[in-house]
Amino acid sequence: MRILTVALLAIVPVATIAAQSNYEIQVYPAETAEKNTTFFELHSNFTGSGTTTPCTFSLAAQCVYPTDHQLHETLEITHGFSSIFEVGMYFFTSSAPGQGTQYVGSHIRPRIRAPEDWGLPVGLSLSTEFGFVKNGFDEGQWSMEFRPIIDKKMGAFYWAVNPTLDWWFKGPLAGTGFKGVAVSPNVKISWDFTEKFTAGFEYYGVTGSLAEMAPAALQQHVLYPAIDLNLSPDWEVNFGYGFNLSGNGDHNIIKLILGRRLKF
């Protein structure tokens, strides 16, 4: 029993870190918003198959609602302050049977990119995201995300890589050093079939922490066949269906992003 207890205690931090919230499911491009342009995006994500364990706040300090059949609506507002710098704000909400509709939390996200006159062979930018979520929607209430962004457009073919790092300031893994920094690689590849229709794949994973790779069963690998509708330079439409390739986490996720750019 002592050996089993020690083994479980060793696994719990890795299992906790292998969770990924489905509020804003997007592989970022390196490009930032144009100066004096504001971009409004609505992210709608429905989890068809998620966790089902009830959340009992009286029994746990960090209690997470079951994600099965949760609908997440996230409003993202991004403003371009210069040709290479933008700031985004997120407002998260969640609806589910037995949970009602609740405001979840907010994040702020400054992002800067490498200017064109650097002459880099790829697009390059850096996004940092900081904010909170209410207890009941994540194991940690305050967190930060560090997201380098690399992408490249080659004719009709496009690829982007976001090797993302996430860590908590408040939660079970806060103050645990590299063990509390989750590694979440995100990748997108797509092809322009027409000027208005693009299709491809988006991948979202959680592989462990900076200190150690999680066991395969506790990792998360979700693939989204996705389409983008390029209706006009001022509109963005992205739709995808996510399913587990292997490992842990939610699956059968439907995501829809509707975006509108305005000049102010």
Protein backbone atom coordinates (compact mmCIF):
# COMPACT_ATOMS: atom_id res chain seq x y z
CA MET A 1 0.00 0.00 0.00
CA ARG A 2 2.89 2.37 0.75
CA ILE A 3 4.40 1.67 -2.68
CA LEU A 4 1.01 2.24 -4.35
CA THR A 5 0.50 5.52 -2.46
CA VAL A 6 3.93 6.82 -3.45
CA ALA A 7 3.30 5.85 -7.09
CA LEU A 8 -0.05 7.66 -7.12
CA LEU A 9 1.46 10.79 -5.56
CA ALA A 10 4.15 10.75 -8.23
CA ILE A 11 1.59 10.42 -11.03
CA VAL A 12 -0.96 13.00 -9.82
CA PRO A 13 1.07 16.13 -10.73
CA VAL A 14 1.63 14.80 -14.25
CA ALA A 15 -2.04 13.85 -14.64
CA THR A 16 -3.08 17.31 -13.48
CA ILE A 17 -0.76 19.01 -15.92
CA ALA A 18 -2.10 16.94 -18.83
CA ALA A 19 -5.45 18.74 -18.89
CA GLN A 20 -6.18 21.30 -21.59
CA SER A 21 -9.08 23.75 -21.37
CA ASN A 22 -11.26 24.03 -24.47
CA TYR A 23 -12.09 27.74 -24.37
CA GLU A 24 -9.96 29.15 -27.19
CA ILE A 25 -8.86 26.39 -29.58
CA GLN A 26 -6.64 28.02 -32.16
CA VAL A 27 -3.16 27.70 -33.64
CA TYR A 28 -1.88 31.28 -33.81
CA PRO A 29 -0.39 32.78 -36.97
CA ALA A 30 2.70 34.95 -36.62
CA GLU A 31 0.92 37.96 -38.13
CA THR A 32 -0.43 40.56 -35.69
CA ALA A 33 -3.42 42.88 -36.06
CA GLU A 34 -2.85 45.93 -38.23
CA LYS A 35 -2.27 49.25 -36.49
CA ASN A 36 -5.53 50.93 -35.37
CA THR A 37 -7.52 47.79 -36.19
CA THR A 38 -9.72 45.98 -33.66
CA PHE A 39 -10.55 42.32 -34.20
CA PHE A 40 -13.61 40.75 -32.52
CA GLU A 41 -13.73 36.94 -32.36
CA LEU A 42 -16.34 34.59 -30.90
CA HIS A 43 -14.98 31.12 -30.06
CA SER A 44 -17.70 28.47 -29.63
CA ASN A 45 -16.52 25.04 -28.46
CA PHE A 46 -18.75 22.08 -27.54
CA THR A 47 -17.30 19.00 -25.81
CA GLY A 48 -19.21 15.92 -26.91
CA SER A 49 -17.25 13.48 -24.72
CA GLY A 50 -15.55 14.79 -21.61
CA THR A 51 -15.12 14.06 -17.93
CA THR A 52 -18.16 13.00 -15.91
CA THR A 53 -16.89 13.03 -12.29
CA PRO A 54 -19.11 15.36 -10.21
CA CYS A 55 -17.53 18.42 -8.62
CA THR A 56 -17.97 18.53 -4.83
CA PHE A 57 -16.42 21.71 -3.47
CA SER A 58 -16.73 20.58 0.14
CA LEU A 59 -14.34 17.69 -0.50
CA ALA A 60 -11.60 19.41 -2.53
CA ALA A 61 -9.99 22.84 -2.60
CA GLN A 62 -9.47 22.57 -6.36
CA CYS A 63 -12.66 21.16 -7.86
CA VAL A 64 -13.31 20.99 -11.61
CA TYR A 65 -16.77 20.61 -13.09
CA PRO A 66 -17.32 17.69 -15.49
CA THR A 67 -16.60 18.82 -19.06
CA ASP A 68 -19.00 16.38 -20.75
CA HIS A 69 -21.45 18.36 -22.92
CA GLN A 70 -19.99 21.71 -21.85
CA LEU A 71 -20.44 24.62 -24.27
CA HIS A 72 -17.75 27.29 -24.02
CA GLU A 73 -18.31 30.74 -25.50
CA THR A 74 -15.26 33.01 -25.48
CA LEU A 75 -15.19 36.62 -26.66
CA GLU A 76 -11.74 37.73 -27.83
CA ILE A 77 -11.05 41.40 -28.57
CA THR A 78 -7.65 42.24 -30.09
CA HIS A 79 -6.33 45.70 -30.97
CA GLY A 80 -3.28 46.53 -33.06
CA PHE A 81 -1.27 49.30 -31.39
CA SER A 82 1.51 49.29 -34.00
CA SER A 83 2.50 47.37 -37.11
CA ILE A 84 4.14 44.68 -34.94
CA PHE A 85 2.37 44.84 -31.53
CA GLU A 86 -1.14 43.90 -30.42
CA VAL A 87 -3.01 43.26 -27.17
CA GLY A 88 -5.90 40.81 -26.83
CA MET A 89 -8.49 40.30 -24.09
CA TYR A 90 -10.50 37.12 -23.45
CA PHE A 91 -13.81 36.71 -21.62
CA PHE A 92 -14.69 33.05 -20.96
CA THR A 93 -18.14 31.58 -20.30
CA SER A 94 -19.37 28.00 -19.85
CA SER A 95 -22.78 26.29 -20.07
CA ALA A 96 -23.61 22.68 -19.23
CA PRO A 97 -26.47 20.54 -17.90
CA GLY A 98 -26.70 20.96 -14.13
CA GLN A 99 -24.15 23.79 -14.15
CA GLY A 100 -26.09 26.58 -15.84
CA THR A 101 -24.33 29.41 -17.65
CA GLN A 102 -21.41 30.97 -15.81
CA TYR A 103 -18.74 33.58 -16.34
CA VAL A 104 -15.46 31.65 -16.07
CA GLY A 105 -12.70 34.27 -16.12
CA SER A 106 -10.57 36.59 -18.25
CA HIS A 107 -7.06 36.71 -19.75
CA ILE A 108 -4.95 39.45 -21.31
CA ARG A 109 -2.56 38.64 -24.16
CA PRO A 110 0.14 41.01 -25.49
CA ARG A 111 1.91 39.81 -28.65
CA ILE A 112 4.83 41.14 -30.66
CA ARG A 113 6.19 39.92 -34.00
CA ALA A 114 9.42 40.25 -35.95
CA PRO A 115 9.15 43.07 -38.51
CA GLU A 116 9.42 42.36 -42.24
CA ASP A 117 12.67 44.31 -42.62
CA TRP A 118 14.45 41.64 -40.56
CA GLY A 119 14.19 39.45 -43.65
CA LEU A 120 13.46 36.22 -41.75
CA PRO A 121 12.63 33.12 -43.83
CA VAL A 122 9.61 32.41 -41.56
CA GLY A 123 7.02 34.42 -39.69
CA LEU A 124 7.97 34.81 -36.04
CA SER A 125 6.11 36.27 -33.07
CA LEU A 126 5.81 35.83 -29.31
CA SER A 127 2.56 35.77 -27.35
CA THR A 128 2.23 35.87 -23.57
CA GLU A 129 -1.12 35.34 -21.86
CA PHE A 130 -1.98 35.95 -18.21
CA GLY A 131 -5.21 35.75 -16.24
CA PHE A 132 -7.57 33.85 -13.98
CA VAL A 133 -10.45 31.39 -14.07
CA LYS A 134 -12.92 30.67 -11.29
CA ASN A 135 -12.59 27.59 -9.11
CA GLY A 136 -14.60 24.82 -10.75
CA PHE A 137 -13.18 25.33 -14.25
CA ASP A 138 -9.47 24.55 -13.87
CA GLU A 139 -7.12 23.09 -11.27
CA GLY A 140 -5.25 26.40 -11.10
CA GLN A 141 -7.00 29.75 -10.83
CA TRP A 142 -4.13 32.01 -11.97
CA SER A 143 -1.87 31.04 -14.85
CA MET A 144 0.46 32.30 -17.57
CA GLU A 145 1.06 31.07 -21.11
CA PHE A 146 4.26 31.60 -23.09
CA ARG A 147 3.69 30.92 -26.81
CA PRO A 148 6.38 31.30 -29.49
CA ILE A 149 4.80 31.30 -32.97
CA ILE A 150 6.50 30.20 -36.19
CA ASP A 151 4.72 29.98 -39.53
CA LYS A 152 5.30 29.95 -43.28
CA LYS A 153 3.14 30.42 -46.36
CA MET A 154 4.43 28.62 -49.47
CA GLY A 155 2.03 29.16 -52.34
CA ALA A 156 -1.19 27.37 -51.43
CA PHE A 157 0.47 25.49 -48.55
CA TYR A 158 0.64 26.91 -45.01
CA TRP A 159 2.10 25.61 -41.76
CA ALA A 160 2.33 27.02 -38.23
CA VAL A 161 3.90 25.72 -35.00
CA ASN A 162 3.15 27.00 -31.49
CA PRO A 163 5.42 25.25 -28.90
CA THR A 164 3.42 26.52 -25.92
CA LEU A 165 4.42 26.54 -22.24
CA ASP A 166 1.83 26.96 -19.46
CA TRP A 167 2.36 27.42 -15.75
CA TRP A 168 0.30 28.26 -12.68
CA PHE A 169 0.71 31.00 -10.12
CA LYS A 170 -2.11 29.53 -8.02
CA GLY A 171 -3.00 25.85 -7.99
CA PRO A 172 -1.63 22.41 -7.04
CA LEU A 173 1.52 22.81 -9.14
CA ALA A 174 2.28 26.44 -8.29
CA GLY A 175 5.83 26.85 -6.99
CA THR A 176 6.98 23.38 -8.14
CA GLY A 177 9.56 24.67 -10.63
CA PHE A 178 9.84 22.96 -14.01
CA LYS A 179 7.36 20.26 -12.88
CA GLY A 180 4.64 22.92 -12.94
CA VAL A 181 5.34 24.07 -16.51
CA ALA A 182 3.20 22.15 -19.01
CA VAL A 183 4.45 21.57 -22.55
CA SER A 184 1.65 21.97 -25.11
CA PRO A 185 2.72 21.77 -28.76
CA ASN A 186 0.15 23.07 -31.29
CA VAL A 187 0.52 22.63 -35.05
CA LYS A 188 -1.50 23.61 -38.13
CA ILE A 189 -1.09 22.60 -41.77
CA SER A 190 -3.53 23.71 -44.49
CA TRP A 191 -3.98 24.04 -48.23
CA ASP A 192 -5.83 26.75 -50.19
CA PHE A 193 -8.14 24.78 -52.49
CA THR A 194 -9.67 28.06 -53.73
CA GLU A 195 -9.28 31.73 -52.84
CA LYS A 196 -12.13 31.38 -50.36
CA PHE A 197 -11.79 27.78 -49.12
CA THR A 198 -8.89 26.38 -47.09
CA ALA A 199 -8.77 22.96 -45.41
CA GLY A 200 -6.25 21.07 -43.33
CA PHE A 201 -5.46 19.77 -39.87
CA GLU A 202 -4.83 21.29 -36.46
CA TYR A 203 -3.10 19.36 -33.69
CA TYR A 204 -3.21 20.17 -29.96
CA GLY A 205 -1.17 18.20 -27.45
CA VAL A 206 -0.03 18.13 -23.86
CA THR A 207 3.06 15.94 -23.45
CA GLY A 208 4.05 16.54 -19.82
CA SER A 209 6.18 19.19 -18.14
CA LEU A 210 9.59 20.76 -18.66
CA ALA A 211 10.88 18.43 -15.94
CA GLU A 212 9.61 15.14 -17.38
CA MET A 213 7.59 13.53 -20.14
CA ALA A 214 4.21 12.26 -18.95
CA PRO A 215 3.33 8.57 -19.40
CA ALA A 216 1.67 7.97 -22.76
CA ALA A 217 -1.71 7.24 -21.17
CA LEU A 218 -1.70 10.63 -19.43
CA GLN A 219 -0.67 12.69 -22.42
CA GLN A 220 -3.18 14.42 -24.68
CA HIS A 221 -3.12 14.31 -28.49
CA VAL A 222 -6.15 15.77 -30.27
CA LEU A 223 -6.45 16.19 -34.05
CA TYR A 224 -8.89 18.58 -35.70
CA PRO A 225 -9.73 18.32 -39.40
CA ALA A 226 -10.54 22.00 -39.99
CA ILE A 227 -11.67 24.41 -42.68
CA ASP A 228 -11.18 28.16 -43.06
CA LEU A 229 -13.53 30.31 -45.12
CA ASN A 230 -11.74 33.36 -46.54
CA LEU A 231 -14.89 35.35 -47.24
CA SER A 232 -13.16 38.75 -47.12
CA PRO A 233 -10.12 40.38 -45.45
CA ASP A 234 -12.45 41.64 -42.69
CA TRP A 235 -14.00 38.27 -41.76
CA GLU A 236 -12.63 35.05 -40.28
CA VAL A 237 -14.46 31.70 -40.17
CA ASN A 238 -12.82 28.54 -38.81
CA PHE A 239 -14.58 25.24 -38.14
CA GLY A 240 -13.16 21.97 -36.86
CA TYR A 241 -13.97 18.63 -35.24
CA GLY A 242 -11.52 17.26 -32.69
CA PHE A 243 -10.95 13.64 -31.73
CA ASN A 244 -8.37 11.92 -29.56
CA LEU A 245 -5.48 10.28 -31.37
CA SER A 246 -4.32 8.76 -28.07
CA GLY A 247 -3.91 9.50 -24.39
CA ASN A 248 -5.98 11.50 -21.96
CA GLY A 249 -8.37 14.44 -22.30
CA ASP A 250 -11.68 15.51 -23.82
CA HIS A 251 -12.64 14.51 -27.34
CA ASN A 252 -15.46 14.76 -29.90
CA ILE A 253 -15.09 18.54 -29.71
CA ILE A 254 -16.77 20.85 -32.20
CA LYS A 255 -15.19 24.29 -32.57
CA LEU A 256 -16.27 27.38 -34.47
CA ILE A 257 -14.52 30.75 -34.69
CA LEU A 258 -16.27 33.80 -36.13
CA GLY A 259 -14.17 36.95 -36.43
CA ARG A 260 -14.71 40.52 -37.68
CA ARG A 261 -12.06 43.23 -38.18
CA LEU A 262 -12.96 46.89 -37.71
CA LYS A 263 -10.85 49.97 -38.39
CA PHE A 264 -10.71 51.84 -35.08
